[in-house]
Protein backbone atom coordinates (compact mmCIF):
# COMPACT_ATOMS: atom_id res chain seq x y z
CA MET A 1 91.13 86.70 92.51
CA THR A 2 92.20 88.57 95.65
CA ARG A 3 95.17 90.87 95.43
CA VAL A 4 97.55 90.86 98.38
CA PRO A 5 98.30 94.42 99.49
CA THR A 6 101.93 95.50 99.30
CA ALA A 7 103.29 97.84 101.95
CA LEU A 8 104.72 101.13 100.79
CA LEU A 9 107.96 102.31 102.37
CA THR A 10 109.52 105.74 102.67
CA VAL A 11 113.09 106.47 101.64
CA ASP A 12 114.07 106.58 105.33
CA GLN A 13 112.50 103.15 105.97
CA VAL A 14 114.33 101.64 102.99
CA ALA A 15 117.59 103.22 104.12
CA ALA A 16 117.12 101.71 107.58
CA ARG A 17 116.34 98.25 106.19
CA LEU A 18 119.41 98.32 103.93
CA CYS A 19 121.58 99.98 106.61
CA VAL A 20 122.61 102.72 104.16
CA SER A 21 122.10 106.48 103.95
CA ARG A 22 119.14 108.27 102.38
CA TRP A 23 121.60 109.55 99.75
CA THR A 24 122.43 105.96 98.74
CA VAL A 25 118.72 105.11 98.40
CA TYR A 26 118.16 108.18 96.18
CA ASN A 27 121.16 107.13 94.06
CA LEU A 28 119.65 103.64 93.65
CA ILE A 29 116.39 105.26 92.55
CA ARG A 30 118.16 107.61 90.11
CA SER A 31 120.13 104.73 88.59
CA ARG A 32 116.87 102.74 88.28
CA GLU A 33 118.24 99.87 90.34
CA LEU A 34 115.40 100.42 92.80
CA THR A 35 111.90 101.10 91.51
CA SER A 36 109.92 103.87 93.16
CA PHE A 37 107.08 106.28 92.49
CA THR A 38 105.66 109.48 93.90
CA ILE A 39 102.34 110.22 95.50
CA GLY A 40 102.04 113.98 95.47
CA ARG A 41 105.45 115.06 96.73
CA CYS A 42 106.15 111.84 98.62
CA ARG A 43 108.54 109.21 97.23
CA ARG A 44 107.49 105.62 97.96
CA ILE A 45 109.06 102.21 97.38
CA SER A 46 106.99 99.05 97.51
CA GLU A 47 108.19 96.15 99.64
CA ALA A 48 108.04 94.03 96.47
CA ALA A 49 110.47 96.41 94.72
CA LEU A 50 112.83 96.30 97.69
CA ASP A 51 112.65 92.49 97.82
CA THR A 52 113.39 92.34 94.08
CA TYR A 53 116.40 94.63 94.48
CA ILE A 54 117.77 92.56 97.37
CA SER A 55 117.26 89.30 95.43
CA LEU A 56 119.03 90.64 92.34
CA ARG A 57 121.96 91.95 94.39
CA THR A 58 122.24 88.64 96.23
CA GLU A 59 122.31 86.72 92.94
CA GLN A 60 124.93 89.09 91.50
CA GLU A 61 127.17 88.69 94.54
CA ALA A 62 126.81 84.90 94.46
CA ALA A 63 127.82 84.71 90.80
C-alpha cells in the first residue's frame, strides 16, 4: 500500500487560505477546532486537517 504524502502548511499559509489573521488560526488551534503539531519550534497544519476543518464548518453552516 502506497501512502499519499500530505502537504504541511504554516500558520501564515493557513491564515491566507482561510482569509483570516494568524491570531484567528492560533485560536482555532487552541480551541482544538483545527489540528496541528510542532516540529521543533515550528507549528504545522496538514492539508488534511485543514480540509477536515473546512468540511465540518461547511456542514455546520448548512444545518
